[in-house]
Structures are given as structure tokens and as C-alpha cells.
Amino acid sequence: MADRSQVVVMKEEAGARSGPGAVEPTPAIDLVASPDRFINRELSWLQFNRRVLEEAANEAHPLLERVRFLSISANNLDEFFMVRVAGLKAQLRAGLTLKSPDGLTPAEQLTRIGDAVGALASDQQKRWRELRQMLAGHGIVLTEVPEMAKKEKTWLEDHFLRHIFPLLTPLAIDPAHPFPFIPNLGFTIALQLARASDGKAMNALIRMPNKLDRFVRLPGEGTAAARVSTLEQVIGLFIGRLFPGYAVKGQGAFRVIRDSEVEIEEEAEDLVREFETVLKRRRRGSVIRLEIDAAMPVELRRFVQRALACADDEIFLVDGVLALNELSQLIGLLDRPDLEFVPYNPRYPERIRDHAGDCFAAIRQKDLVVHHPYESFDVVVQFLQQAARDPDVVAIKQTLYRTSAESPIVRALVEAAEMGKSVTALIELKARFDEEANIRWSRALERAGAQVVYGFIELKTHAKLSMVVRREGGALASYVHVGTIIRLRPASTPISRSSPPIRSSRATSRTFSTM
């Protein structure tokens, strides 16, 4: 609070500023009541993804790791459209005009998102062109068809006929063969063809099978240097094999991104069946974004747009490479450890090693904290595997959010249930894009005899919790694993997981905490 002298000075200064030629003071904004105090969630996320892209320009990273960051940025953007943009478009279709906390309607948010995404996508292509030149400097060349030698084309033809041709289905589009359904993230080549005998025009499609690798490595000597071609270029080279008797008048690739947002009724009687129904419906969600090769002829482009019922603001012309998220496949195709991060080998907790691998004995000594990724996650798997096989263990309880395709955690729970132990698993069905995998694991656990329960409709269960109940000395002792993750460091360093150490308050309860 100002005293009297301060008030006098302030009044004099105010009077001096109010003289002739004085600049009118800017009216103060009441931030408490103004939406200006908020940052828009969607635009903030796009800024986050731009920071991911900036890691692809970080010269401190090995070259292939920079390519990986570009791939991650592109994959993030796909998911952003499938969920965030899809949600806003659903509000727009429903006629909702409710403003976000920062004061923007759904339509205004979509307009700003479109501007931000256009700049981000352009910068992604620019970054790829720069990285491509750098890769060439290290002997990794992405080869265009005109640059291929005759012997390379001969090898490619044999490779195409053996490994690609049997998986392709050429589709002519006419009244008897309507435009087919293109799945989410479906990559397709559109063609304008003319019959050689009479010049009759025909449009056609070639769907790119998901099981085919995006990149083909051409034969060559040594492992350091590599010449690589994209799948679409290889297919384009041998279109005559797919449409004999036709000449190609125009062609171009396109890619579809569909609405993948999942909405569950809170009153659903059977949550699993409700999810299964919604997931089937999600596969045929409306088109949110249609990416088209900028080199595609305008007439062919309009044909694709009409067939997919896309509005003009849903069309994105790509002057470069479609599906940049698939650049991660390029890294696996090459054997260049000199261009990747040096693998980090985490240490195994010494106290468990001192107890000959007995997790229970190590935790009984005192509570244990394991810091990932600097210490191996294998100890968590070993904890549950030991519990599954220990005859003194009578019960295991576990939360599951995301699991790997061959999850050793779930397999340990299945093994424990099959051995007659009481196993309870709380499975979160709302793990985005892992919903189907979690439903499969829940079925497998139920078949093994485990009790499966699900999370709350309005909440997500992210916690990584395990509780093992064991008979010891005529009493029951509980061993608890508590896992948390907090991202503390930038992407240029390993992700650090951290949480405060947890101590048990009961003599019969032991705590095993991972950070």
C-alpha cells in the first residue's frame, strides 16, 4: 500500500503525463476476468511439436537421430489431427459455439490451427530436404528413378515381382467399380490412364499395403554406403505390370487421416463391448485431413477430393515426401551405428544382485528405489516373474495402462493365474490407440483365471502399481511396487523418471519404488 508521499508523487507524474502531446496510457487489462490469461491448448501443443522438430536441427545429435526426431514430429502431427482436430470438427458439426477458456470458438481455433500447421508442415519438409543432403554426404543416397543405373532397375524389377507385386491390387474406378474405402493413414497412388488401343481414359488406384516397408535398399558393396528408393517410386517404375495395355497420363500419391476420437457413453452397461463397438466405428471415421502430392494433376486431384468428400480446407498439398512419420523405417534399414546415439546399458540394482536376484529379500532389507532409465527396468519384470513362481505368494494385484506387443508383465500375470494364485488386473481401456491391445490382454487374463476390472469412465488410470501378498512366518506380508514418470530433461538427453522415495508405514508392508 502506498504512503502519502508516494501518492503525491504519483499524482504529479500523472498530471505531467496528461499535458499537451502526452501519450494516452494503455488501459489496464483485468487478467483475472480476461481470457488473455490462458494459452490455447491446441496451439500450445503445436508449439510443443515444433520443439520436437527443432531437435531434428540440433547439430549435437547424430544424423540418423535427427531423422528420427523429424519422424516423431510427423507422427505427433498425425495423432493431433486424428484426435484434437477431429474433436473440434465434431463440435463444429454439432453447431456448438462454446468458447474455449482463452476465448476462441471451435471455428476460430480451427482457423488458427490451419495457419500453424501449414507453417509446421512446410518446415518439416524443409528440414527433410536439409537432412537428405546431409545423408548423401555420409554415403546414404535416396535415389530417384532417373538416377538409377540399368543394373539397379534390373534388380528392382526382380525384387518387385518377387516381394511387392503379389501384395498389390490394382483398382480401376468406373461405374461398376466405385471408389474404395481408404483406411486411416492409408497411402495410395492415383493414376490417370489411357488405353493404348483406342485412347479411352480411366482412373485407377494402387493401395500401398501396410505390411510393405516404405524404403527399398538397392544392392551395393559394403554396409556404410547405401542407395535407397521409396516404395512408391518402385511401384511407379513398373505400373505397366499392373495395368498392361494402358499408358500413364498422370499420377500422384495421397494419404488420408481419419477421425479417430473415441467417445464412450458413461451409462454403458458393458464397457468392453462399448469399446469394441466404438473401435469398429473409428476405423470408418470421417476424413479430417487429405494430403496430396503437389505434383498430382489438378483434374486427378479433384477426382480424389470428390470421392473422399473432403472440403477445400481439409486438403493439404505436400511439396515433398508424404508420410514423413515413416522415415523411422529408414533408420532400421541402415547399419550405421556411427550415425546413432551410443546405446546406453543401464545398471542392475546392486542390492538385488547382492541377494542373488531375490527381489523379496532385497526389499525386506529396506525399501528400494530404482531410477529408470539409468537402472534396468528388467528388475520390475523379475519382481513379478518371481512373484508368479514363488509358492509362498498368494495374490498379485496390478494396474496396466500401456503394454508392449509381447508384454512380459502380462505373461507373468497369466502364469501366476494359471498356477492358482489370486490375480487382479486393473486395465485402462482408454489408453489411446492401444485400446484394442488392452482388450486382447484382458481377454487373455480372464481365460487364465485372473480377475479383470476396468478404470473409471471420466478418469484415466496412469499409475504403475503392483501389490504382491506373500506368506511369511505365519502372517501375510505385502510388497508394493509404485512407478511414476516425470519428464525432467530435454529430448537431447535420456528421459529421466523421478519420484520421491516411498516408505511403508506398516511392519508387514515393503515398498519397491521405480522412478
Protein backbone atom coordinates (compact mmCIF):
# COMPACT_ATOMS: atom_id res chain seq x y z
CA MET A 1 0.00 0.00 0.00
CA ALA A 2 1.44 3.42 -0.96
CA ASP A 3 2.10 6.03 1.75
CA ARG A 4 1.11 9.71 1.37
CA SER A 5 4.39 10.85 -0.20
CA GLN A 6 4.14 8.13 -2.85
CA VAL A 7 0.57 9.12 -3.62
CA VAL A 8 1.60 12.78 -4.14
CA VAL A 9 4.45 11.81 -6.48
CA MET A 10 2.20 9.51 -8.44
CA LYS A 11 -0.41 12.26 -8.86
CA GLU A 12 2.24 14.75 -10.02
CA GLU A 13 3.59 12.25 -12.56
CA ALA A 14 0.08 11.56 -13.77
CA GLY A 15 -0.52 15.30 -14.17
CA ALA A 16 2.74 15.74 -16.07
CA ARG A 17 1.80 12.95 -18.47
CA SER A 18 -1.63 14.49 -19.12
CA GLY A 19 -0.23 17.66 -20.68
CA PRO A 20 -0.35 18.63 -24.36
CA GLY A 21 1.15 15.96 -26.65
CA ALA A 22 1.18 13.32 -23.94
CA VAL A 23 0.59 9.69 -24.95
CA GLU A 24 -2.65 8.28 -23.63
CA PRO A 25 -1.93 5.48 -21.16
CA THR A 26 -2.96 1.98 -22.20
CA PRO A 27 -5.99 0.90 -20.19
CA ALA A 28 -5.12 -1.83 -17.73
CA ILE A 29 -6.40 -5.33 -18.54
CA ASP A 30 -8.12 -7.19 -15.76
CA LEU A 31 -6.34 -10.53 -16.25
CA VAL A 32 -8.41 -12.17 -13.56
CA ALA A 33 -11.51 -11.88 -15.74
CA SER A 34 -9.84 -11.87 -19.19
CA PRO A 35 -9.36 -14.97 -21.39
CA ASP A 36 -5.95 -13.49 -22.28
CA ARG A 37 -4.55 -15.15 -19.18
CA PHE A 38 -4.93 -18.55 -20.90
CA ILE A 39 -2.88 -20.15 -23.65
CA ASN A 40 -4.91 -22.14 -26.16
CA ARG A 41 -4.40 -25.87 -25.57
CA GLU A 42 -4.22 -26.87 -29.24
CA LEU A 43 -1.88 -24.06 -30.29
CA SER A 44 0.31 -24.79 -27.27
CA TRP A 45 0.55 -28.43 -28.34
CA LEU A 46 1.63 -27.36 -31.83
CA GLN A 47 4.39 -25.27 -30.26
CA PHE A 48 5.48 -28.32 -28.30
CA ASN A 49 5.64 -30.34 -31.52
CA ARG A 50 7.67 -27.57 -33.13
CA ARG A 51 10.21 -28.01 -30.34
CA VAL A 52 10.36 -31.71 -31.23
CA LEU A 53 11.05 -30.69 -34.82
CA GLU A 54 13.78 -28.33 -33.65
CA GLU A 55 15.62 -31.35 -32.24
CA ALA A 56 15.98 -32.51 -35.87
CA ALA A 57 18.10 -29.37 -36.42
CA ASN A 58 20.26 -29.93 -33.33
CA GLU A 59 23.79 -30.44 -34.63
CA ALA A 60 24.78 -32.07 -31.35
CA HIS A 61 22.65 -35.10 -32.29
CA PRO A 62 23.89 -37.87 -34.61
CA LEU A 63 22.41 -37.56 -38.09
CA LEU A 64 20.05 -40.55 -38.01
CA GLU A 65 18.75 -39.45 -34.62
CA ARG A 66 17.84 -36.12 -36.19
CA VAL A 67 15.90 -38.05 -38.85
CA ARG A 68 14.18 -39.92 -36.02
CA PHE A 69 13.11 -36.65 -34.37
CA LEU A 70 11.63 -35.49 -37.69
CA SER A 71 9.72 -38.78 -37.91
CA ILE A 72 8.42 -38.34 -34.35
CA SER A 73 7.28 -34.80 -35.12
CA ALA A 74 5.36 -36.02 -38.18
CA ASN A 75 3.77 -38.89 -36.26
CA ASN A 76 2.74 -36.48 -33.50
CA LEU A 77 1.05 -34.25 -36.05
CA ASP A 78 -0.93 -37.19 -37.45
CA GLU A 79 -2.25 -38.04 -33.99
CA PHE A 80 -3.03 -34.38 -33.36
CA PHE A 81 -5.38 -34.38 -36.35
CA MET A 82 -6.89 -37.77 -35.50
CA VAL A 83 -7.86 -36.63 -32.01
CA ARG A 84 -7.61 -32.90 -31.32
CA VAL A 85 -8.69 -31.53 -34.71
CA ALA A 86 -11.32 -34.26 -35.02
CA GLY A 87 -12.81 -33.14 -31.71
CA LEU A 88 -13.06 -29.52 -32.83
CA LYS A 89 -14.64 -30.51 -36.14
CA ALA A 90 -17.21 -32.60 -34.26
CA GLN A 91 -18.10 -29.51 -32.19
CA LEU A 92 -18.43 -27.50 -35.40
CA ARG A 93 -20.71 -30.10 -37.00
CA ALA A 94 -22.87 -30.11 -33.87
CA GLY A 95 -23.27 -26.34 -34.11
CA LEU A 96 -21.51 -25.70 -30.80
CA THR A 97 -20.15 -22.18 -30.36
CA LEU A 98 -18.95 -22.51 -26.79
CA LYS A 99 -15.64 -20.69 -26.43
CA SER A 100 -12.51 -22.25 -25.04
CA PRO A 101 -11.02 -20.74 -21.83
CA ASP A 102 -8.83 -18.47 -23.99
CA GLY A 103 -11.92 -17.05 -25.73
CA LEU A 104 -11.89 -18.84 -29.09
CA THR A 105 -14.79 -20.64 -30.74
CA PRO A 106 -14.16 -24.02 -32.43
CA ALA A 107 -14.17 -22.32 -35.85
CA GLU A 108 -11.62 -19.72 -34.71
CA GLN A 109 -9.41 -22.43 -33.24
CA LEU A 110 -9.51 -24.42 -36.48
CA THR A 111 -8.52 -21.33 -38.46
CA ARG A 112 -5.51 -20.67 -36.24
CA ILE A 113 -4.59 -24.35 -36.22
CA GLY A 114 -4.66 -24.37 -40.03
CA ASP A 115 -2.20 -21.46 -40.19
CA ALA A 116 0.13 -23.00 -37.59
CA VAL A 117 0.03 -26.47 -39.17
CA GLY A 118 0.74 -25.07 -42.63
CA ALA A 119 3.92 -23.43 -41.34
CA LEU A 120 4.92 -26.51 -39.32
CA ALA A 121 4.39 -28.93 -42.23
CA SER A 122 6.39 -26.65 -44.53
CA ASP A 123 9.25 -26.57 -42.01
CA GLN A 124 9.14 -30.37 -41.73
CA GLN A 125 9.64 -30.71 -45.49
CA LYS A 126 12.40 -28.10 -45.41
CA ARG A 127 14.15 -29.97 -42.62
CA TRP A 128 13.89 -33.24 -44.55
CA ARG A 129 15.50 -31.68 -47.64
CA GLU A 130 18.39 -30.50 -45.47
CA LEU A 131 18.78 -33.87 -43.77
CA ARG A 132 18.63 -35.66 -47.11
CA GLN A 133 21.62 -33.68 -48.33
CA MET A 134 23.49 -34.47 -45.13
CA LEU A 135 22.71 -38.18 -45.51
CA ALA A 136 24.15 -38.07 -49.03
CA GLY A 137 27.32 -36.61 -47.55
CA HIS A 138 27.59 -39.76 -45.42
CA GLY A 139 27.03 -42.11 -48.35
CA ILE A 140 23.26 -42.60 -47.86
CA VAL A 141 21.54 -41.57 -51.07
CA LEU A 142 17.79 -41.55 -51.68
CA THR A 143 17.72 -42.33 -55.37
CA GLU A 144 15.19 -41.04 -57.90
CA VAL A 145 14.24 -43.27 -60.85
CA PRO A 146 16.12 -41.20 -63.48
CA GLU A 147 19.30 -41.55 -61.38
CA MET A 148 19.17 -45.36 -61.27
CA ALA A 149 21.65 -47.43 -63.23
CA LYS A 150 20.41 -50.11 -65.62
CA LYS A 151 21.57 -52.95 -63.37
CA GLU A 152 19.73 -51.36 -60.43
CA LYS A 153 16.48 -51.26 -62.43
CA THR A 154 17.01 -54.90 -63.41
CA TRP A 155 17.46 -55.88 -59.77
CA LEU A 156 14.44 -53.77 -58.76
CA GLU A 157 12.23 -55.48 -61.34
CA ASP A 158 13.10 -58.89 -59.91
CA HIS A 159 12.56 -57.58 -56.36
CA PHE A 160 9.24 -56.03 -57.39
CA LEU A 161 7.93 -59.25 -58.96
CA ARG A 162 9.01 -61.40 -56.01
CA HIS A 163 8.23 -59.24 -52.98
CA ILE A 164 5.85 -56.40 -53.97
CA PHE A 165 3.72 -57.38 -56.97
CA PRO A 166 1.91 -60.29 -55.23
CA LEU A 167 0.67 -57.91 -52.50
CA LEU A 168 -0.72 -55.21 -54.78
CA THR A 169 -4.29 -54.97 -56.06
CA PRO A 170 -4.78 -52.58 -58.99
CA LEU A 171 -8.21 -50.94 -58.81
CA ALA A 172 -9.90 -49.43 -61.86
CA ILE A 173 -12.54 -46.83 -60.97
CA ASP A 174 -15.68 -46.91 -63.08
CA PRO A 175 -19.47 -47.23 -62.52
CA ALA A 176 -19.06 -50.96 -61.87
CA HIS A 177 -16.09 -50.44 -59.56
CA PRO A 178 -16.72 -47.44 -57.27
CA PHE A 179 -14.04 -45.64 -55.31
CA PRO A 180 -12.97 -47.97 -52.47
CA PHE A 181 -12.76 -47.19 -48.77
CA ILE A 182 -9.33 -45.82 -47.85
CA PRO A 183 -8.43 -46.61 -44.22
CA ASN A 184 -6.89 -44.21 -41.74
CA LEU A 185 -3.29 -43.32 -42.71
CA GLY A 186 -3.85 -45.19 -45.97
CA PHE A 187 -1.21 -44.33 -48.59
CA THR A 188 -2.48 -44.63 -52.16
CA ILE A 189 -1.27 -43.89 -55.69
CA ALA A 190 -3.88 -42.35 -58.01
CA LEU A 191 -3.48 -42.79 -61.78
CA GLN A 192 -4.83 -41.28 -64.97
CA LEU A 193 -4.58 -43.98 -67.63
CA ALA A 194 -5.33 -44.17 -71.34
CA ARG A 195 -5.93 -47.45 -73.18
CA ALA A 196 -3.28 -47.89 -75.84
CA SER A 197 -5.70 -49.35 -78.40
CA ASP A 198 -8.26 -46.52 -78.52
CA GLY A 199 -7.11 -43.86 -76.02
CA LYS A 200 -10.07 -44.41 -73.69
CA ALA A 201 -9.39 -42.70 -70.35
CA MET A 202 -9.63 -44.43 -67.00
CA ASN A 203 -8.82 -43.52 -63.40
CA ALA A 204 -7.23 -46.14 -61.17
CA LEU A 205 -5.78 -46.62 -57.70
CA ILE A 206 -2.98 -48.66 -56.18
CA ARG A 207 -3.26 -49.10 -52.41
CA MET A 208 0.05 -49.44 -50.58
CA PRO A 209 -0.12 -52.46 -48.24
CA ASN A 210 0.74 -51.66 -44.62
CA LYS A 211 2.98 -54.71 -44.37
CA LEU A 212 5.37 -53.46 -47.04
CA ASP A 213 8.41 -51.46 -45.98
CA ARG A 214 8.40 -47.87 -47.24
CA PHE A 215 12.05 -47.99 -48.37
CA VAL A 216 13.93 -50.43 -50.60
CA ARG A 217 17.70 -50.66 -50.36
CA LEU A 218 19.42 -51.17 -53.69
CA PRO A 219 22.24 -53.72 -53.93
CA GLY A 220 25.75 -52.44 -53.40
CA GLU A 221 29.08 -53.25 -51.87
CA GLY A 222 29.78 -52.57 -48.21
CA THR A 223 27.48 -51.53 -45.38
CA ALA A 224 28.48 -47.88 -44.95
CA ALA A 225 27.32 -46.55 -48.34
CA ALA A 226 23.69 -47.15 -49.31
CA ARG A 227 21.40 -46.28 -52.18
CA VAL A 228 17.72 -46.31 -51.21
CA SER A 229 14.47 -45.84 -53.12
CA THR A 230 10.93 -45.30 -51.84
CA LEU A 231 8.24 -47.91 -52.37
CA GLU A 232 6.05 -45.54 -54.38
CA GLN A 233 8.88 -44.91 -56.83
CA VAL A 234 9.48 -48.63 -57.28
CA ILE A 235 5.78 -49.23 -57.94
CA GLY A 236 5.65 -46.26 -60.32
CA LEU A 237 8.53 -47.76 -62.29
CA PHE A 238 6.56 -50.93 -63.01
CA ILE A 239 2.97 -49.70 -63.38
CA GLY A 240 2.89 -51.38 -66.78
CA ARG A 241 2.98 -54.73 -64.97
CA LEU A 242 -0.18 -53.78 -63.09
CA PHE A 243 -2.08 -52.19 -66.00
CA PRO A 244 -0.88 -53.85 -69.20
CA GLY A 245 -2.14 -52.17 -72.35
CA TYR A 246 -2.50 -48.76 -70.68
CA ALA A 247 -0.33 -45.66 -70.77
CA VAL A 248 0.09 -43.41 -67.72
CA LYS A 249 -1.08 -39.85 -68.39
CA GLY A 250 -0.81 -38.58 -64.84
CA GLN A 251 -0.21 -39.84 -61.33
CA GLY A 252 0.29 -38.78 -57.75
CA ALA A 253 0.13 -40.13 -54.22
CA PHE A 254 -2.32 -39.18 -51.50
CA ARG A 255 -2.78 -40.06 -47.85
CA VAL A 256 -5.87 -39.99 -45.65
CA ILE A 257 -6.15 -39.12 -41.95
CA ARG A 258 -9.49 -40.01 -40.35
CA ASP A 259 -11.33 -39.03 -37.19
CA SER A 260 -10.06 -41.42 -34.50
CA GLU A 261 -11.52 -39.79 -31.41
CA VAL A 262 -13.29 -42.25 -29.11
CA GLU A 263 -16.42 -41.18 -27.23
CA ILE A 264 -17.83 -43.58 -24.65
CA GLU A 265 -21.28 -43.35 -23.10
CA GLU A 266 -20.96 -43.01 -19.32
CA GLU A 267 -24.07 -45.16 -18.87
CA ALA A 268 -22.65 -48.08 -20.90
CA GLU A 269 -23.72 -51.38 -19.33
CA ASP A 270 -20.75 -53.35 -20.72
CA LEU A 271 -17.65 -51.18 -21.03
CA VAL A 272 -15.64 -53.68 -23.06
CA ARG A 273 -18.40 -54.24 -25.60
CA GLU A 274 -18.96 -50.50 -25.84
CA PHE A 275 -15.25 -50.00 -26.60
CA GLU A 276 -15.28 -52.79 -29.19
CA THR A 277 -18.24 -51.17 -30.93
CA VAL A 278 -16.66 -47.71 -30.88
CA LEU A 279 -13.31 -49.02 -32.14
CA LYS A 280 -15.00 -50.68 -35.12
CA ARG A 281 -16.77 -47.38 -35.85
CA ARG A 282 -13.47 -45.48 -35.51
CA ARG A 283 -11.96 -47.35 -38.46
CA ARG A 284 -14.50 -45.66 -40.70
CA GLY A 285 -14.30 -42.18 -39.21
CA SER A 286 -14.74 -39.16 -41.45
CA VAL A 287 -11.74 -37.74 -43.30
CA ILE A 288 -10.09 -34.96 -41.30
CA ARG A 289 -7.04 -34.34 -43.48
CA LEU A 290 -6.23 -35.32 -47.06
CA GLU A 291 -2.57 -34.98 -48.00
CA ILE A 292 -1.95 -34.88 -51.76
CA ASP A 293 1.30 -34.84 -53.67
CA ALA A 294 1.59 -31.35 -55.13
CA ALA A 295 2.73 -32.90 -58.44
CA MET A 296 -0.62 -34.68 -58.91
CA PRO A 297 -2.54 -33.25 -61.93
CA VAL A 298 -5.34 -30.88 -60.93
CA GLU A 299 -8.07 -32.98 -62.59
CA LEU A 300 -6.92 -36.13 -60.77
CA ARG A 301 -6.69 -34.19 -57.52
CA ARG A 302 -10.30 -33.04 -57.84
CA PHE A 303 -11.36 -36.61 -58.59
CA VAL A 304 -9.81 -37.83 -55.32
CA GLN A 305 -11.25 -34.92 -53.34
CA ARG A 306 -14.79 -35.56 -54.62
CA ALA A 307 -14.54 -39.30 -53.98
CA LEU A 308 -13.47 -38.74 -50.37
CA ALA A 309 -15.97 -35.88 -49.81
CA CYS A 310 -13.32 -33.51 -48.50
CA ALA A 311 -13.74 -29.77 -48.11
CA ASP A 312 -11.13 -27.43 -49.55
CA ASP A 313 -9.78 -26.57 -46.10
CA GLU A 314 -9.13 -30.28 -45.46
CA ILE A 315 -6.79 -30.58 -48.45
CA PHE A 316 -3.04 -30.18 -47.86
CA LEU A 317 -0.74 -30.12 -50.88
CA VAL A 318 2.64 -31.62 -49.99
CA ASP A 319 5.63 -30.35 -51.94
CA GLY A 320 7.95 -33.14 -50.86
CA VAL A 321 7.57 -36.52 -49.20
CA LEU A 322 4.26 -37.81 -47.84
CA ALA A 323 4.14 -39.74 -44.57
CA LEU A 324 7.32 -38.36 -43.03
CA ASN A 325 6.50 -40.43 -39.95
CA GLU A 326 7.74 -43.48 -41.88
CA LEU A 327 11.28 -42.09 -42.05
CA SER A 328 11.93 -44.10 -38.88
CA GLN A 329 11.94 -47.20 -41.12
CA LEU A 330 14.96 -45.79 -42.91
CA ILE A 331 16.99 -45.97 -39.71
CA GLY A 332 16.25 -49.67 -39.28
CA LEU A 333 17.17 -50.34 -42.91
CA LEU A 334 20.68 -48.95 -42.48
CA ASP A 335 23.52 -50.36 -40.42
CA ARG A 336 25.14 -47.09 -39.38
CA PRO A 337 25.70 -47.09 -35.61
CA ASP A 338 28.15 -44.21 -36.14
CA LEU A 339 25.13 -42.02 -37.01
CA GLU A 340 23.02 -43.03 -33.99
CA PHE A 341 23.18 -42.41 -30.25
CA VAL A 342 25.61 -44.68 -28.44
CA PRO A 343 23.44 -47.38 -26.80
CA TYR A 344 23.06 -46.93 -23.07
CA ASN A 345 23.41 -50.02 -20.90
CA PRO A 346 21.52 -49.48 -17.63
CA ARG A 347 22.95 -50.90 -14.44
CA TYR A 348 21.19 -53.59 -12.45
CA PRO A 349 20.34 -52.66 -8.83
CA GLU A 350 23.25 -53.85 -6.72
CA ARG A 351 21.19 -54.80 -3.67
CA ILE A 352 19.14 -57.32 -5.63
CA ARG A 353 22.33 -58.69 -7.11
CA ASP A 354 23.76 -58.99 -3.59
CA HIS A 355 20.74 -61.12 -2.66
CA ALA A 356 21.33 -63.47 -5.62
CA GLY A 357 18.43 -61.97 -7.57
CA ASP A 358 15.87 -62.41 -4.76
CA CYS A 359 13.71 -59.25 -5.03
CA PHE A 360 11.74 -60.04 -1.86
CA ALA A 361 14.89 -60.45 0.25
CA ALA A 362 16.32 -57.19 -1.10
CA ILE A 363 13.12 -55.26 -0.37
CA ARG A 364 12.78 -56.87 3.07
CA GLN A 365 16.16 -55.41 3.98
CA LYS A 366 14.75 -51.91 3.36
CA ASP A 367 12.64 -50.06 0.82
CA LEU A 368 14.21 -49.92 -2.63
CA VAL A 369 14.26 -47.11 -5.19
CA VAL A 370 15.14 -47.86 -8.83
CA HIS A 371 15.83 -44.93 -11.16
CA HIS A 372 14.99 -45.54 -14.86
CA PRO A 373 16.48 -45.45 -17.43
CA TYR A 374 19.78 -45.42 -15.58
CA GLU A 375 18.84 -48.63 -13.80
CA SER A 376 17.30 -51.50 -15.70
CA PHE A 377 13.55 -51.99 -15.93
CA ASP A 378 14.24 -55.73 -16.02
CA VAL A 379 14.13 -55.69 -12.23
CA VAL A 380 10.42 -54.82 -12.35
CA VAL A 381 9.76 -57.73 -14.68
CA GLN A 382 11.83 -60.01 -12.44
CA PHE A 383 9.86 -58.88 -9.39
CA LEU A 384 6.58 -60.04 -10.97
CA GLN A 385 8.05 -63.19 -12.51
CA GLN A 386 9.47 -64.19 -9.14
CA ALA A 387 6.08 -63.50 -7.55
CA ALA A 388 4.35 -65.66 -10.17
CA ARG A 389 6.63 -68.64 -9.45
CA ASP A 390 7.03 -68.25 -5.68
CA PRO A 391 4.86 -70.87 -3.88
CA ASP A 392 4.53 -68.53 -0.86
CA VAL A 393 2.90 -65.78 -2.92
CA VAL A 394 -0.89 -65.98 -2.68
CA ALA A 395 -2.06 -62.83 -4.52
CA ILE A 396 -0.88 -60.30 -7.11
CA LYS A 397 -2.66 -57.05 -7.98
CA GLN A 398 -1.50 -54.92 -10.94
CA THR A 399 -2.56 -51.82 -12.88
CA LEU A 400 -1.96 -51.83 -16.65
CA TYR A 401 -2.04 -48.78 -18.92
CA ARG A 402 0.14 -49.40 -21.97
CA THR A 403 1.86 -52.70 -22.66
CA SER A 404 4.20 -54.00 -25.35
CA ALA A 405 3.08 -56.48 -28.00
CA GLU A 406 4.71 -59.35 -26.09
CA SER A 407 4.39 -57.90 -22.60
CA PRO A 408 6.42 -59.90 -20.05
CA ILE A 409 4.35 -58.23 -17.29
CA VAL A 410 1.09 -59.64 -18.63
CA ARG A 411 2.68 -63.02 -19.27
CA ALA A 412 3.83 -63.15 -15.66
CA LEU A 413 0.29 -62.37 -14.50
CA VAL A 414 -1.11 -65.09 -16.77
CA GLU A 415 1.44 -67.56 -15.42
CA ALA A 416 0.53 -66.65 -11.84
CA ALA A 417 -3.20 -67.09 -12.51
CA GLU A 418 -2.63 -70.45 -14.18
CA MET A 419 -0.70 -71.57 -11.09
CA GLY A 420 -3.73 -70.88 -8.92
CA LYS A 421 -2.73 -67.55 -7.39
CA SER A 422 -5.30 -64.81 -6.90
CA VAL A 423 -4.55 -62.29 -9.66
CA THR A 424 -6.39 -59.00 -10.13
CA ALA A 425 -5.58 -56.65 -13.02
CA LEU A 426 -6.96 -53.14 -13.38
CA ILE A 427 -6.74 -52.42 -17.12
CA GLU A 428 -7.19 -48.93 -18.51
CA LEU A 429 -9.16 -49.24 -21.75
CA LYS A 430 -8.75 -45.57 -22.63
CA ALA A 431 -5.03 -45.85 -23.48
CA ARG A 432 -5.31 -44.01 -26.79
CA PHE A 433 -4.53 -46.18 -29.86
CA ASP A 434 -3.78 -49.11 -27.53
CA GLU A 435 -7.42 -49.81 -26.69
CA GLU A 436 -7.63 -52.94 -28.86
CA ALA A 437 -4.38 -54.35 -27.47
CA ASN A 438 -5.62 -53.82 -23.91
CA ILE A 439 -8.90 -55.57 -24.69
CA ARG A 440 -6.94 -58.55 -26.07
CA TRP A 441 -4.80 -58.70 -22.92
CA SER A 442 -7.90 -58.50 -20.73
CA ARG A 443 -9.38 -61.50 -22.56
CA ALA A 444 -6.13 -63.45 -22.16
CA LEU A 445 -6.02 -62.71 -18.43
CA GLU A 446 -9.64 -63.74 -17.96
CA ARG A 447 -9.04 -67.02 -19.80
CA ALA A 448 -6.14 -67.72 -17.43
CA GLY A 449 -8.42 -67.19 -14.42
CA ALA A 450 -7.44 -63.66 -13.43
CA GLN A 451 -9.99 -61.13 -12.25
CA VAL A 452 -10.05 -58.13 -14.60
CA VAL A 453 -11.51 -54.76 -13.65
CA TYR A 454 -11.52 -51.52 -15.63
CA GLY A 455 -10.88 -47.87 -14.84
CA PHE A 456 -13.36 -45.05 -14.43
CA ILE A 457 -15.18 -43.58 -17.43
CA GLU A 458 -14.29 -39.99 -16.56
CA LEU A 459 -10.71 -40.67 -15.45
CA LYS A 460 -7.60 -42.38 -16.82
CA THR A 461 -5.56 -44.71 -14.65
CA HIS A 462 -1.92 -43.91 -15.41
CA ALA A 463 -0.42 -45.22 -12.17
CA LYS A 464 2.02 -48.15 -12.38
CA LEU A 465 1.17 -50.12 -9.25
CA SER A 466 1.81 -53.71 -8.19
CA MET A 467 1.00 -55.42 -4.90
CA VAL A 468 2.24 -58.90 -4.05
CA VAL A 469 0.86 -60.65 -0.97
CA ARG A 470 3.18 -63.32 0.43
CA ARG A 471 3.01 -65.74 3.38
CA GLU A 472 5.92 -65.14 5.74
CA GLY A 473 6.26 -66.64 9.22
CA GLY A 474 2.59 -67.44 9.60
CA ALA A 475 1.48 -63.94 8.56
CA LEU A 476 0.81 -62.09 5.32
CA ALA A 477 3.34 -59.54 4.07
CA SER A 478 2.63 -57.08 1.25
CA TYR A 479 5.26 -56.00 -1.25
CA VAL A 480 4.27 -52.91 -3.23
CA HIS A 481 5.77 -51.52 -6.43
CA VAL A 482 4.99 -47.88 -7.17
CA GLY A 483 6.13 -46.46 -10.51
CA THR A 484 5.93 -42.85 -11.67
CA ILE A 485 7.24 -40.89 -14.64
CA ILE A 486 8.09 -37.20 -14.73
CA ARG A 487 9.82 -35.78 -17.81
CA LEU A 488 12.61 -33.64 -16.48
CA ARG A 489 15.12 -33.18 -19.26
CA PRO A 490 15.06 -32.06 -22.89
CA ALA A 491 15.00 -34.62 -25.65
CA SER A 492 18.77 -34.21 -26.17
CA THR A 493 19.36 -36.28 -23.03
CA PRO A 494 17.85 -39.55 -21.84
CA ILE A 495 14.37 -39.22 -20.35
CA SER A 496 14.59 -39.14 -16.59
CA ARG A 497 11.93 -40.64 -14.38
CA SER A 498 11.69 -39.36 -10.87
CA SER A 499 9.53 -39.54 -7.79
CA PRO A 500 10.15 -39.10 -4.08
CA PRO A 501 11.20 -42.27 -2.23
CA ILE A 502 8.25 -44.07 -0.68
CA ARG A 503 8.42 -45.55 2.78
CA SER A 504 5.97 -48.03 4.24
CA SER A 505 4.20 -47.31 7.50
CA ARG A 506 3.33 -50.92 8.33
CA ALA A 507 5.81 -53.53 9.51
CA THR A 508 4.29 -56.13 7.19
CA SER A 509 4.43 -53.94 4.08
CA ARG A 510 7.54 -53.40 1.95
CA THR A 511 7.87 -50.83 -0.81
CA PHE A 512 9.65 -51.07 -4.14
CA SER A 513 9.59 -47.73 -5.97
CA THR A 514 10.70 -47.03 -9.53
CA MET A 515 11.34 -43.55 -10.80
